[in-house]
Amino acid sequence: MLPPLAVIFFGALLGLFSIRLTVSQSAIGAAQTPAAPPTGGTFSSLSPVFTPEVRYWSGEILSWAAEAALDPNLAATVMQIESCGNPVARSGAGALGLFQVMPYHFYASDDAYDPATNARRGLAYLKRALAAANGDLRLVFAGYNGGISMITAGEDAWAAETRRYAYWGSGIYADASSGASRSGRLDEWLAAGGAGLCRRASQQLGLAQ
């Protein structure tokens, strides 16, 4: 039998070990759970990870995102992948403008290529995706690209384009929102074909040398 002082000592030691283990396990769990994009709040600047064509629109992005109560880095990530800042971009599927909004999201009186109008319609849809996805980044981007129904459809139902979009978007946004000065995922996107999109945007904006 241990002396009373030894029992007290070992009891305290075990209690301390238990507390430290609990804290450590909580930290691991938090690191494995992706943070939901913040909504609301005031943002005074945009992450530097985005290409010059997207940063060209920094002031407008901050204003549009504030109007929609969204993180401007989330809005900029969508613009980056969709048009790289080209206000007259048009996809083969008929998506239009900076945020590549499909025509049926506009009112008859809208100018789909007007940057503010395009942003308003695109960010409204992004906000719907964010709410439906409960903040899950991959689902948010999948919903914006493939339709809100993709959020509950399961990844097996996603088109290859939607899988790529979710991969690019979630990675670029994670880098932008972490305070990084450069995004490895954005570099991958550029190498995979995004650079061509940005060249066209640069020419349109008069940034090409």
N, C-alpha and C. Protein backbone atom coordinates (compact mmCIF):
# COMPACT_ATOMS: atom_id res chain seq x y z
N MET A 1 0.85 -1.20 0.00
CA MET A 1 0.00 0.00 0.00
C MET A 1 0.88 1.25 0.00
N LEU A 2 0.53 2.25 -0.83
CA LEU A 2 1.31 3.47 -0.91
C LEU A 2 1.03 4.36 0.29
N PRO A 3 2.05 5.10 0.75
CA PRO A 3 1.83 6.08 1.83
C PRO A 3 0.84 7.15 1.36
N PRO A 4 0.11 7.81 2.27
CA PRO A 4 -0.89 8.82 1.89
C PRO A 4 -0.33 9.92 1.01
N LEU A 5 0.88 10.43 1.29
CA LEU A 5 1.45 11.50 0.47
C LEU A 5 1.71 11.03 -0.95
N ALA A 6 2.14 9.77 -1.11
CA ALA A 6 2.39 9.23 -2.44
C ALA A 6 1.10 9.11 -3.23
N VAL A 7 0.01 8.71 -2.56
CA VAL A 7 -1.29 8.59 -3.22
C VAL A 7 -1.73 9.95 -3.74
N ILE A 8 -1.57 10.99 -2.91
CA ILE A 8 -1.94 12.35 -3.31
C ILE A 8 -1.11 12.80 -4.50
N PHE A 9 0.22 12.51 -4.45
CA PHE A 9 1.12 12.94 -5.52
C PHE A 9 0.76 12.29 -6.84
N PHE A 10 0.58 10.96 -6.81
CA PHE A 10 0.26 10.25 -8.06
C PHE A 10 -1.14 10.61 -8.57
N GLY A 11 -2.07 10.90 -7.65
CA GLY A 11 -3.40 11.33 -8.08
C GLY A 11 -3.35 12.65 -8.81
N ALA A 12 -2.57 13.58 -8.28
CA ALA A 12 -2.42 14.89 -8.93
C ALA A 12 -1.75 14.75 -10.28
N LEU A 13 -0.73 13.86 -10.36
CA LEU A 13 -0.01 13.65 -11.61
C LEU A 13 -0.93 13.08 -12.68
N LEU A 14 -1.76 12.11 -12.30
CA LEU A 14 -2.70 11.52 -13.26
C LEU A 14 -3.73 12.55 -13.72
N GLY A 15 -4.19 13.40 -12.79
CA GLY A 15 -5.15 14.43 -13.15
C GLY A 15 -4.58 15.42 -14.15
N LEU A 16 -3.32 15.82 -13.94
CA LEU A 16 -2.65 16.75 -14.85
C LEU A 16 -2.49 16.13 -16.23
N PHE A 17 -2.12 14.84 -16.27
CA PHE A 17 -1.95 14.13 -17.54
C PHE A 17 -3.26 14.06 -18.29
N SER A 18 -4.36 13.81 -17.55
CA SER A 18 -5.68 13.71 -18.17
C SER A 18 -6.10 15.03 -18.80
N ILE A 19 -5.83 16.14 -18.08
CA ILE A 19 -6.20 17.47 -18.60
C ILE A 19 -5.42 17.77 -19.87
N ARG A 20 -4.11 17.49 -19.86
CA ARG A 20 -3.27 17.78 -21.02
C ARG A 20 -3.68 16.94 -22.22
N LEU A 21 -4.07 15.69 -21.97
CA LEU A 21 -4.51 14.82 -23.05
C LEU A 21 -5.80 15.33 -23.67
N THR A 22 -6.72 15.79 -22.82
CA THR A 22 -7.99 16.31 -23.31
C THR A 22 -7.79 17.55 -24.16
N VAL A 23 -6.92 18.46 -23.70
CA VAL A 23 -6.63 19.67 -24.46
C VAL A 23 -6.00 19.33 -25.79
N SER A 24 -5.06 18.35 -25.79
CA SER A 24 -4.38 17.96 -27.02
C SER A 24 -5.36 17.37 -28.01
N GLN A 25 -6.28 16.52 -27.53
CA GLN A 25 -7.26 15.90 -28.43
C GLN A 25 -8.20 16.95 -29.00
N SER A 26 -8.55 17.96 -28.19
CA SER A 26 -9.43 19.03 -28.67
C SER A 26 -8.76 19.83 -29.77
N ALA A 27 -7.46 20.09 -29.60
CA ALA A 27 -6.73 20.84 -30.59
C ALA A 27 -6.65 20.09 -31.90
N ILE A 28 -6.43 18.77 -31.84
CA ILE A 28 -6.37 17.95 -33.05
C ILE A 28 -7.71 17.99 -33.76
N GLY A 29 -8.80 17.85 -33.00
CA GLY A 29 -10.13 17.87 -33.60
C GLY A 29 -10.42 19.19 -34.28
N ALA A 30 -9.99 20.30 -33.64
CA ALA A 30 -10.22 21.62 -34.23
C ALA A 30 -9.44 21.79 -35.51
N ALA A 31 -8.22 21.24 -35.55
CA ALA A 31 -7.39 21.38 -36.75
C ALA A 31 -7.97 20.60 -37.91
N GLN A 32 -8.70 19.50 -37.60
CA GLN A 32 -9.24 18.67 -38.66
C GLN A 32 -10.58 19.18 -39.16
N THR A 33 -11.19 20.15 -38.46
CA THR A 33 -12.48 20.68 -38.85
C THR A 33 -12.29 21.99 -39.60
N PRO A 34 -12.61 22.04 -40.90
CA PRO A 34 -12.41 23.27 -41.66
C PRO A 34 -13.30 24.38 -41.14
N ALA A 35 -12.74 25.59 -41.07
CA ALA A 35 -13.51 26.73 -40.59
C ALA A 35 -14.48 27.19 -41.67
N ALA A 36 -15.70 27.53 -41.25
CA ALA A 36 -16.69 28.06 -42.19
C ALA A 36 -16.29 29.48 -42.58
N PRO A 37 -16.52 29.88 -43.82
CA PRO A 37 -16.22 31.25 -44.23
C PRO A 37 -17.03 32.22 -43.39
N PRO A 38 -16.41 33.28 -42.86
CA PRO A 38 -17.17 34.24 -42.07
C PRO A 38 -18.13 35.04 -42.92
N THR A 39 -19.22 35.45 -42.32
CA THR A 39 -20.17 36.33 -43.00
C THR A 39 -20.30 37.60 -42.17
N GLY A 40 -20.71 38.66 -42.82
CA GLY A 40 -20.83 39.93 -42.12
C GLY A 40 -19.44 40.48 -41.78
N GLY A 41 -19.38 41.38 -40.82
CA GLY A 41 -18.10 41.93 -40.41
C GLY A 41 -17.59 42.97 -41.40
N THR A 42 -16.46 43.57 -41.04
CA THR A 42 -15.86 44.60 -41.87
C THR A 42 -14.47 44.15 -42.31
N PHE A 43 -14.21 44.18 -43.61
CA PHE A 43 -12.92 43.78 -44.15
C PHE A 43 -12.32 44.99 -44.87
N SER A 44 -11.09 45.32 -44.54
CA SER A 44 -10.48 46.53 -45.10
C SER A 44 -9.54 46.25 -46.26
N SER A 45 -9.23 44.98 -46.50
CA SER A 45 -8.30 44.67 -47.58
C SER A 45 -8.55 43.26 -48.10
N LEU A 46 -7.99 43.01 -49.27
CA LEU A 46 -8.11 41.72 -49.92
C LEU A 46 -6.76 41.00 -49.79
N SER A 47 -6.80 39.68 -49.72
CA SER A 47 -5.56 38.91 -49.65
C SER A 47 -4.69 39.19 -50.88
N PRO A 48 -3.36 39.18 -50.70
CA PRO A 48 -2.46 39.42 -51.83
C PRO A 48 -2.25 38.19 -52.70
N VAL A 49 -2.86 37.06 -52.37
CA VAL A 49 -2.60 35.83 -53.14
C VAL A 49 -3.21 35.88 -54.54
N PHE A 50 -4.24 36.72 -54.74
CA PHE A 50 -4.93 36.72 -56.02
C PHE A 50 -4.09 37.37 -57.12
N THR A 51 -4.40 37.03 -58.36
CA THR A 51 -3.64 37.56 -59.49
C THR A 51 -3.94 39.06 -59.66
N PRO A 52 -3.07 39.79 -60.37
CA PRO A 52 -3.28 41.23 -60.55
C PRO A 52 -4.63 41.58 -61.18
N GLU A 53 -5.12 40.71 -62.06
CA GLU A 53 -6.40 40.97 -62.72
C GLU A 53 -7.55 40.99 -61.72
N VAL A 54 -7.50 40.12 -60.73
CA VAL A 54 -8.54 40.10 -59.70
C VAL A 54 -8.33 41.25 -58.72
N ARG A 55 -7.08 41.50 -58.34
CA ARG A 55 -6.81 42.62 -57.42
C ARG A 55 -7.13 43.97 -58.03
N TYR A 56 -7.19 44.03 -59.34
CA TYR A 56 -7.64 45.24 -60.04
C TYR A 56 -9.02 45.68 -59.51
N TRP A 57 -9.82 44.70 -59.13
CA TRP A 57 -11.18 44.96 -58.67
C TRP A 57 -11.28 45.02 -57.14
N SER A 58 -10.19 45.16 -56.43
CA SER A 58 -10.18 45.07 -54.96
C SER A 58 -11.22 45.95 -54.30
N GLY A 59 -11.25 47.24 -54.66
CA GLY A 59 -12.21 48.15 -54.04
C GLY A 59 -13.64 47.73 -54.28
N GLU A 60 -13.93 47.33 -55.50
CA GLU A 60 -15.30 46.89 -55.83
C GLU A 60 -15.64 45.59 -55.09
N ILE A 61 -14.69 44.67 -55.03
CA ILE A 61 -14.96 43.40 -54.35
C ILE A 61 -15.30 43.64 -52.89
N LEU A 62 -14.55 44.53 -52.23
CA LEU A 62 -14.83 44.85 -50.83
C LEU A 62 -16.24 45.42 -50.68
N SER A 63 -16.63 46.28 -51.60
CA SER A 63 -17.96 46.89 -51.56
C SER A 63 -19.06 45.86 -51.85
N TRP A 64 -18.87 45.07 -52.90
CA TRP A 64 -19.88 44.06 -53.26
C TRP A 64 -20.04 43.03 -52.17
N ALA A 65 -18.92 42.59 -51.59
CA ALA A 65 -18.99 41.58 -50.54
C ALA A 65 -19.65 42.13 -49.29
N ALA A 66 -19.37 43.39 -48.96
CA ALA A 66 -20.02 44.00 -47.80
C ALA A 66 -21.53 44.07 -48.00
N GLU A 67 -21.95 44.43 -49.21
CA GLU A 67 -23.38 44.50 -49.53
C GLU A 67 -24.04 43.13 -49.36
N ALA A 68 -23.31 42.06 -49.73
CA ALA A 68 -23.85 40.71 -49.64
C ALA A 68 -23.58 40.05 -48.29
N ALA A 69 -22.86 40.75 -47.39
CA ALA A 69 -22.47 40.21 -46.08
C ALA A 69 -21.65 38.93 -46.24
N LEU A 70 -20.65 38.98 -47.13
CA LEU A 70 -19.78 37.85 -47.39
C LEU A 70 -18.32 38.26 -47.19
N ASP A 71 -17.47 37.29 -46.94
CA ASP A 71 -16.04 37.53 -46.88
C ASP A 71 -15.57 37.89 -48.29
N PRO A 72 -14.91 39.03 -48.48
CA PRO A 72 -14.46 39.40 -49.82
C PRO A 72 -13.46 38.41 -50.41
N ASN A 73 -12.71 37.70 -49.58
CA ASN A 73 -11.79 36.69 -50.10
C ASN A 73 -12.54 35.52 -50.73
N LEU A 74 -13.73 35.24 -50.22
CA LEU A 74 -14.56 34.20 -50.82
C LEU A 74 -15.07 34.67 -52.18
N ALA A 75 -15.53 35.91 -52.24
CA ALA A 75 -16.00 36.48 -53.51
C ALA A 75 -14.86 36.54 -54.52
N ALA A 76 -13.67 36.94 -54.07
CA ALA A 76 -12.52 37.04 -54.97
C ALA A 76 -12.08 35.68 -55.48
N THR A 77 -12.21 34.65 -54.65
CA THR A 77 -11.86 33.30 -55.09
C THR A 77 -12.76 32.86 -56.24
N VAL A 78 -14.06 33.15 -56.12
CA VAL A 78 -14.98 32.80 -57.20
C VAL A 78 -14.64 33.58 -58.46
N MET A 79 -14.39 34.87 -58.34
CA MET A 79 -14.01 35.66 -59.50
C MET A 79 -12.73 35.13 -60.13
N GLN A 80 -11.78 34.75 -59.29
CA GLN A 80 -10.50 34.24 -59.80
C GLN A 80 -10.71 33.05 -60.73
N ILE A 81 -11.49 32.09 -60.27
CA ILE A 81 -11.68 30.86 -61.05
C ILE A 81 -12.62 31.08 -62.23
N GLU A 82 -13.61 31.94 -62.04
CA GLU A 82 -14.64 32.10 -63.07
C GLU A 82 -14.16 32.92 -64.27
N SER A 83 -13.52 34.07 -64.00
CA SER A 83 -13.19 34.98 -65.11
C SER A 83 -11.80 35.58 -65.00
N CYS A 84 -11.14 35.40 -63.87
CA CYS A 84 -9.87 36.07 -63.58
C CYS A 84 -10.00 37.58 -63.76
N GLY A 85 -11.19 38.09 -63.47
CA GLY A 85 -11.38 39.53 -63.52
C GLY A 85 -11.77 40.10 -64.87
N ASN A 86 -12.13 39.24 -65.82
CA ASN A 86 -12.54 39.71 -67.14
C ASN A 86 -14.04 40.02 -67.13
N PRO A 87 -14.43 41.28 -67.23
CA PRO A 87 -15.85 41.62 -67.11
C PRO A 87 -16.70 41.20 -68.30
N VAL A 88 -16.07 40.87 -69.42
CA VAL A 88 -16.85 40.45 -70.60
C VAL A 88 -16.65 38.97 -70.92
N ALA A 89 -16.17 38.21 -69.94
CA ALA A 89 -15.97 36.77 -70.14
C ALA A 89 -17.31 36.09 -70.43
N ARG A 90 -17.26 35.09 -71.31
CA ARG A 90 -18.45 34.30 -71.61
C ARG A 90 -18.01 32.87 -71.82
N SER A 91 -18.68 31.95 -71.14
CA SER A 91 -18.31 30.54 -71.24
C SER A 91 -19.06 29.86 -72.37
N GLY A 92 -18.62 28.67 -72.72
CA GLY A 92 -19.30 27.90 -73.75
C GLY A 92 -20.72 27.53 -73.35
N ALA A 93 -20.98 27.50 -72.03
CA ALA A 93 -22.32 27.18 -71.54
C ALA A 93 -23.22 28.40 -71.47
N GLY A 94 -22.63 29.60 -71.76
CA GLY A 94 -23.42 30.82 -71.76
C GLY A 94 -23.32 31.65 -70.51
N ALA A 95 -22.47 31.25 -69.55
CA ALA A 95 -22.29 32.04 -68.32
C ALA A 95 -21.58 33.35 -68.66
N LEU A 96 -21.95 34.42 -67.94
CA LEU A 96 -21.55 35.76 -68.34
C LEU A 96 -20.81 36.52 -67.23
N GLY A 97 -19.83 37.32 -67.65
CA GLY A 97 -19.25 38.33 -66.79
C GLY A 97 -18.28 37.87 -65.73
N LEU A 98 -18.01 38.77 -64.82
CA LEU A 98 -16.99 38.55 -63.78
C LEU A 98 -17.23 37.29 -62.97
N PHE A 99 -18.48 37.02 -62.63
CA PHE A 99 -18.81 35.87 -61.79
C PHE A 99 -19.46 34.75 -62.59
N GLN A 100 -19.42 34.86 -63.92
CA GLN A 100 -19.94 33.83 -64.81
C GLN A 100 -21.34 33.36 -64.39
N VAL A 101 -22.24 34.30 -64.41
CA VAL A 101 -23.61 34.06 -63.99
C VAL A 101 -24.45 33.63 -65.19
N MET A 102 -25.23 32.59 -65.01
CA MET A 102 -26.08 32.13 -66.11
C MET A 102 -27.19 33.15 -66.38
N PRO A 103 -27.60 33.28 -67.65
CA PRO A 103 -28.58 34.32 -68.03
C PRO A 103 -29.88 34.30 -67.24
N TYR A 104 -30.36 33.12 -66.83
CA TYR A 104 -31.65 33.06 -66.15
C TYR A 104 -31.62 33.61 -64.73
N HIS A 105 -30.44 34.01 -64.24
CA HIS A 105 -30.37 34.64 -62.92
C HIS A 105 -30.56 36.16 -62.98
N PHE A 106 -30.64 36.70 -64.18
CA PHE A 106 -30.79 38.14 -64.35
C PHE A 106 -32.25 38.53 -64.59
N TYR A 107 -32.58 39.77 -64.21
CA TYR A 107 -33.88 40.33 -64.56
C TYR A 107 -33.81 40.84 -66.01
N ALA A 108 -34.95 41.00 -66.61
CA ALA A 108 -35.00 41.46 -68.00
C ALA A 108 -34.35 42.82 -68.18
N SER A 109 -34.40 43.65 -67.15
CA SER A 109 -33.84 45.00 -67.23
C SER A 109 -32.35 45.05 -66.90
N ASP A 110 -31.77 43.93 -66.50
CA ASP A 110 -30.35 43.90 -66.09
C ASP A 110 -29.42 43.95 -67.29
N ASP A 111 -28.27 44.58 -67.09
CA ASP A 111 -27.14 44.47 -68.02
C ASP A 111 -26.21 43.42 -67.40
N ALA A 112 -26.22 42.23 -67.96
CA ALA A 112 -25.49 41.11 -67.36
C ALA A 112 -23.99 41.37 -67.28
N TYR A 113 -23.46 42.21 -68.16
CA TYR A 113 -22.02 42.49 -68.16
C TYR A 113 -21.64 43.69 -67.30
N ASP A 114 -22.63 44.38 -66.76
CA ASP A 114 -22.31 45.45 -65.82
C ASP A 114 -21.68 44.82 -64.58
N PRO A 115 -20.47 45.23 -64.20
CA PRO A 115 -19.78 44.54 -63.10
C PRO A 115 -20.58 44.48 -61.80
N ALA A 116 -21.19 45.59 -61.41
CA ALA A 116 -21.93 45.60 -60.15
C ALA A 116 -23.16 44.69 -60.21
N THR A 117 -23.87 44.71 -61.32
CA THR A 117 -25.04 43.85 -61.49
C THR A 117 -24.63 42.39 -61.51
N ASN A 118 -23.58 42.08 -62.24
CA ASN A 118 -23.08 40.71 -62.31
C ASN A 118 -22.67 40.22 -60.93
N ALA A 119 -21.98 41.07 -60.18
CA ALA A 119 -21.55 40.71 -58.84
C ALA A 119 -22.75 40.49 -57.92
N ARG A 120 -23.74 41.36 -58.03
CA ARG A 120 -24.92 41.24 -57.17
C ARG A 120 -25.64 39.91 -57.40
N ARG A 121 -25.81 39.52 -58.65
CA ARG A 121 -26.50 38.26 -58.94
C ARG A 121 -25.63 37.05 -58.58
N GLY A 122 -24.33 37.15 -58.90
CA GLY A 122 -23.43 36.03 -58.59
C GLY A 122 -23.27 35.81 -57.11
N LEU A 123 -23.10 36.88 -56.35
CA LEU A 123 -22.89 36.74 -54.91
C LEU A 123 -24.16 36.33 -54.19
N ALA A 124 -25.31 36.67 -54.74
CA ALA A 124 -26.57 36.20 -54.15
C ALA A 124 -26.64 34.67 -54.26
N TYR A 125 -26.20 34.15 -55.41
CA TYR A 125 -26.20 32.70 -55.58
C TYR A 125 -25.14 32.05 -54.70
N LEU A 126 -23.99 32.69 -54.58
CA LEU A 126 -22.93 32.18 -53.70
C LEU A 126 -23.42 32.11 -52.25
N LYS A 127 -24.16 33.12 -51.85
CA LYS A 127 -24.68 33.14 -50.48
C LYS A 127 -25.68 32.00 -50.27
N ARG A 128 -26.47 31.69 -51.28
CA ARG A 128 -27.38 30.55 -51.18
C ARG A 128 -26.61 29.25 -51.03
N ALA A 129 -25.54 29.12 -51.79
CA ALA A 129 -24.70 27.91 -51.70
C ALA A 129 -24.07 27.80 -50.32
N LEU A 130 -23.61 28.91 -49.78
CA LEU A 130 -22.99 28.93 -48.46
C LEU A 130 -23.97 28.49 -47.38
N ALA A 131 -25.20 28.97 -47.46
CA ALA A 131 -26.21 28.59 -46.48
C ALA A 131 -26.58 27.12 -46.61
N ALA A 132 -26.73 26.64 -47.83
CA ALA A 132 -27.12 25.25 -48.05
C ALA A 132 -26.02 24.27 -47.65
N ALA A 133 -24.76 24.72 -47.75
CA ALA A 133 -23.63 23.84 -47.45
C ALA A 133 -23.20 23.90 -46.00
N ASN A 134 -23.87 24.72 -45.20
CA ASN A 134 -23.52 24.88 -43.79
C ASN A 134 -22.04 25.22 -43.60
N GLY A 135 -21.50 25.99 -44.54
CA GLY A 135 -20.12 26.45 -44.40
C GLY A 135 -19.06 25.48 -44.88
N ASP A 136 -19.44 24.29 -45.37
CA ASP A 136 -18.44 23.34 -45.89
C ASP A 136 -17.90 23.89 -47.21
N LEU A 137 -16.61 24.23 -47.21
CA LEU A 137 -16.03 24.93 -48.36
C LEU A 137 -16.16 24.18 -49.67
N ARG A 138 -15.84 22.90 -49.66
CA ARG A 138 -15.91 22.14 -50.90
C ARG A 138 -17.34 22.12 -51.44
N LEU A 139 -18.31 22.00 -50.55
CA LEU A 139 -19.71 21.97 -50.97
C LEU A 139 -20.16 23.33 -51.48
N VAL A 140 -19.65 24.40 -50.86
CA VAL A 140 -19.99 25.75 -51.32
C VAL A 140 -19.57 25.93 -52.77
N PHE A 141 -18.33 25.56 -53.08
CA PHE A 141 -17.84 25.75 -54.45
C PHE A 141 -18.51 24.78 -55.42
N ALA A 142 -18.78 23.57 -54.96
CA ALA A 142 -19.49 22.61 -55.82
C ALA A 142 -20.89 23.14 -56.15
N GLY A 143 -21.54 23.73 -55.15
CA GLY A 143 -22.88 24.27 -55.36
C GLY A 143 -22.88 25.45 -56.31
N TYR A 144 -21.86 26.30 -56.22
CA TYR A 144 -21.80 27.45 -57.12
C TYR A 144 -21.56 27.00 -58.55
N ASN A 145 -20.73 26.00 -58.73
CA ASN A 145 -20.39 25.54 -60.08
C ASN A 145 -21.46 24.63 -60.68
N GLY A 146 -21.92 23.67 -59.92
CA GLY A 146 -22.80 22.65 -60.48
C GLY A 146 -24.27 22.83 -60.16
N GLY A 147 -24.58 23.80 -59.31
CA GLY A 147 -25.96 24.00 -58.89
C GLY A 147 -26.14 23.62 -57.43
N ILE A 148 -27.05 24.27 -56.75
CA ILE A 148 -27.28 24.02 -55.33
C ILE A 148 -27.59 22.55 -55.05
N SER A 149 -28.21 21.88 -56.00
CA SER A 149 -28.56 20.47 -55.78
C SER A 149 -27.33 19.59 -55.59
N MET A 150 -26.18 20.03 -56.07
CA MET A 150 -24.96 19.24 -55.91
C MET A 150 -24.52 19.14 -54.45
N ILE A 151 -24.97 20.06 -53.63
CA ILE A 151 -24.56 20.08 -52.23
C ILE A 151 -25.06 18.85 -51.50
N THR A 152 -26.24 18.38 -51.85
CA THR A 152 -26.80 17.20 -51.18
C THR A 152 -26.75 15.95 -52.05
N ALA A 153 -26.23 16.07 -53.25
CA ALA A 153 -26.25 14.93 -54.18
C ALA A 153 -25.19 13.88 -53.87
N GLY A 154 -24.12 14.27 -53.17
CA GLY A 154 -23.01 13.34 -52.95
C GLY A 154 -21.98 13.48 -54.05
N GLU A 155 -20.72 13.36 -53.70
CA GLU A 155 -19.64 13.64 -54.65
C GLU A 155 -19.64 12.68 -55.84
N ASP A 156 -20.20 11.50 -55.68
CA ASP A 156 -20.24 10.56 -56.81
C ASP A 156 -21.08 11.11 -57.96
N ALA A 157 -21.98 12.04 -57.65
CA ALA A 157 -22.84 12.62 -58.68
C ALA A 157 -22.23 13.86 -59.31
N TRP A 158 -21.11 14.33 -58.80
CA TRP A 158 -20.49 15.54 -59.33
C TRP A 158 -19.81 15.27 -60.67
N ALA A 159 -19.94 16.21 -61.57
CA ALA A 159 -19.19 16.15 -62.83
C ALA A 159 -17.72 16.41 -62.53
N ALA A 160 -16.85 15.99 -63.44
CA ALA A 160 -15.41 16.19 -63.25
C ALA A 160 -15.09 17.67 -63.08
N GLU A 161 -15.77 18.53 -63.82
CA GLU A 161 -15.55 19.96 -63.70
C GLU A 161 -15.87 20.46 -62.30
N THR A 162 -16.95 19.95 -61.72
CA THR A 162 -17.34 20.37 -60.38
C THR A 162 -16.34 19.89 -59.34
N ARG A 163 -15.81 18.69 -59.52
CA ARG A 163 -14.78 18.19 -58.61
C ARG A 163 -13.54 19.09 -58.65
N ARG A 164 -13.14 19.44 -59.87
CA ARG A 164 -11.97 20.32 -60.00
C ARG A 164 -12.26 21.68 -59.38
N TYR A 165 -13.44 22.21 -59.63
CA TYR A 165 -13.82 23.52 -59.12
C TYR A 165 -13.77 23.53 -57.59
N ALA A 166 -14.32 22.49 -56.97
CA ALA A 166 -14.31 22.41 -55.51
C ALA A 166 -12.88 22.32 -54.98
N TYR A 167 -12.03 21.60 -55.70
CA TYR A 167 -10.63 21.47 -55.30
C TYR A 167 -9.90 22.81 -55.39
N TRP A 168 -10.03 23.47 -56.55
CA TRP A 168 -9.36 24.76 -56.72
C TRP A 168 -9.89 25.79 -55.74
N GLY A 169 -11.20 25.91 -55.69
CA GLY A 169 -11.82 26.96 -54.88
C GLY A 169 -11.52 26.82 -53.40
N SER A 170 -11.70 25.63 -52.84
CA SER A 170 -11.49 25.46 -51.40
C SER A 170 -10.03 25.70 -51.03
N GLY A 171 -9.11 25.29 -51.90
CA GLY A 171 -7.69 25.49 -51.61
C GLY A 171 -7.26 26.93 -51.71
N ILE A 172 -7.71 27.62 -52.77
CA ILE A 172 -7.35 29.03 -52.94
C ILE A 172 -7.93 29.86 -51.80
N TYR A 173 -9.19 29.60 -51.46
CA TYR A 173 -9.81 30.37 -50.37
C TYR A 173 -9.11 30.10 -49.04
N ALA A 174 -8.76 28.86 -48.79
CA ALA A 174 -8.06 28.54 -47.53
C ALA A 174 -6.76 29.31 -47.43
N ASP A 175 -6.01 29.38 -48.54
CA ASP A 175 -4.76 30.14 -48.53
C ASP A 175 -5.02 31.63 -48.33
N ALA A 176 -6.02 32.16 -49.03
CA ALA A 176 -6.33 33.59 -48.95
C ALA A 176 -6.78 33.99 -47.55
N SER A 177 -7.57 33.16 -46.91
CA SER A 177 -8.12 33.50 -45.60
C SER A 177 -7.15 33.22 -44.46
N SER A 178 -6.06 32.52 -44.75
CA SER A 178 -5.08 32.18 -43.70
C SER A 178 -4.04 33.27 -43.50
N GLY A 179 -4.04 34.29 -44.37
CA GLY A 179 -3.03 35.33 -44.27
C GLY A 179 -1.78 35.04 -45.08
N ALA A 180 -1.81 34.00 -45.91
CA ALA A 180 -0.64 33.66 -46.73
C ALA A 180 -0.39 34.74 -47.77
N SER A 181 0.87 34.86 -48.18
CA SER A 181 1.22 35.85 -49.22
C SER A 181 1.19 35.22 -50.61
N ARG A 182 1.08 33.92 -50.67
CA ARG A 182 1.04 33.22 -51.95
C ARG A 182 0.20 31.96 -51.80
N SER A 183 -0.47 31.56 -52.86
CA SER A 183 -1.31 30.36 -52.81
C SER A 183 -0.75 29.29 -53.73
N GLY A 184 -0.34 28.18 -53.14
CA GLY A 184 0.12 27.05 -53.94
C GLY A 184 -0.98 26.48 -54.80
N ARG A 185 -2.22 26.48 -54.28
CA ARG A 185 -3.35 25.96 -55.05
C ARG A 185 -3.64 26.86 -56.24
N LEU A 186 -3.50 28.17 -56.06
CA LEU A 186 -3.70 29.09 -57.17
C LEU A 186 -2.63 28.87 -58.23
N ASP A 187 -1.40 28.61 -57.81
CA ASP A 187 -0.33 28.32 -58.77
C ASP A 187 -0.68 27.06 -59.57
N GLU A 188 -1.25 26.06 -58.91
CA GLU A 188 -1.68 24.84 -59.61
C GLU A 188 -2.75 25.17 -60.64
N TRP A 189 -3.71 25.99 -60.23
CA TRP A 189 -4.81 26.36 -61.13
C TRP A 189 -4.28 27.09 -62.36
N LEU A 190 -3.35 28.00 -62.16
CA LEU A 190 -2.75 28.73 -63.28
C LEU A 190 -2.05 27.78 -64.23
N ALA A 191 -1.29 26.84 -63.68
CA ALA A 191 -0.56 25.88 -64.50
C ALA A 191 -1.50 24.93 -65.24
N ALA A 192 -2.68 24.70 -64.68
CA ALA A 192 -3.64 23.77 -65.28
C ALA A 192 -4.51 24.42 -66.35
N GLY A 193 -4.27 25.70 -66.66
CA GLY A 193 -5.04 26.37 -67.70
C GLY A 193 -5.56 27.73 -67.32
N GLY A 194 -5.52 28.05 -66.03
CA GLY A 194 -6.02 29.35 -65.59
C GLY A 194 -5.22 30.52 -66.13
N ALA A 195 -3.95 30.29 -66.45
CA ALA A 195 -3.11 31.37 -66.96
C ALA A 195 -3.67 31.95 -68.25
N GLY A 196 -4.25 31.11 -69.10
CA GLY A 196 -4.84 31.59 -70.34
C GLY A 196 -6.03 32.50 -70.07
N LEU A 197 -6.84 32.13 -69.09
CA LEU A 197 -7.99 32.95 -68.70
C LEU A 197 -7.50 34.32 -68.22
N CYS A 198 -6.41 34.31 -67.46
CA CYS A 198 -5.88 35.56 -66.92
C CYS A 198 -5.23 36.42 -67.99
N ARG A 199 -4.65 35.81 -69.01
CA ARG A 199 -4.09 36.60 -70.11
C ARG A 199 -5.19 37.37 -70.83
N ARG A 200 -6.31 36.71 -71.07
CA ARG A 200 -7.43 37.39 -71.73
C ARG A 200 -7.97 38.52 -70.85
N ALA A 201 -8.03 38.27 -69.52
CA ALA A 201 -8.50 39.30 -68.61
C ALA A 201 -7.54 40.49 -68.59
N SER A 202 -6.25 40.19 -68.59
CA SER A 202 -5.24 41.24 -68.55
C SER A 202 -5.33 42.14 -69.78
N GLN A 203 -5.55 41.52 -70.94
CA GLN A 203 -5.71 42.30 -72.17
C GLN A 203 -6.97 43.17 -72.12
N GLN A 204 -8.04 42.61 -71.62
CA GLN A 204 -9.31 43.33 -71.53
C GLN A 204 -9.20 44.53 -70.60
N LEU A 205 -8.45 44.37 -69.50
CA LEU A 205 -8.32 45.42 -68.50
C LEU A 205 -7.20 46.39 -68.80
N GLY A 206 -6.45 46.13 -69.85
CA GLY A 206 -5.34 47.01 -70.21
C GLY A 206 -4.13 46.84 -69.32
N LEU A 207 -3.99 45.66 -68.72
CA LEU A 207 -2.85 45.41 -67.84
C LEU A 207 -1.71 44.70 -68.55
N ALA A 208 -1.99 44.17 -69.73
CA ALA A 208 -0.97 43.40 -70.46
C ALA A 208 0.16 44.34 -70.88
N GLN A 209 1.38 43.86 -70.73
CA GLN A 209 2.56 44.66 -71.11
C GLN A 209 2.82 44.51 -72.59
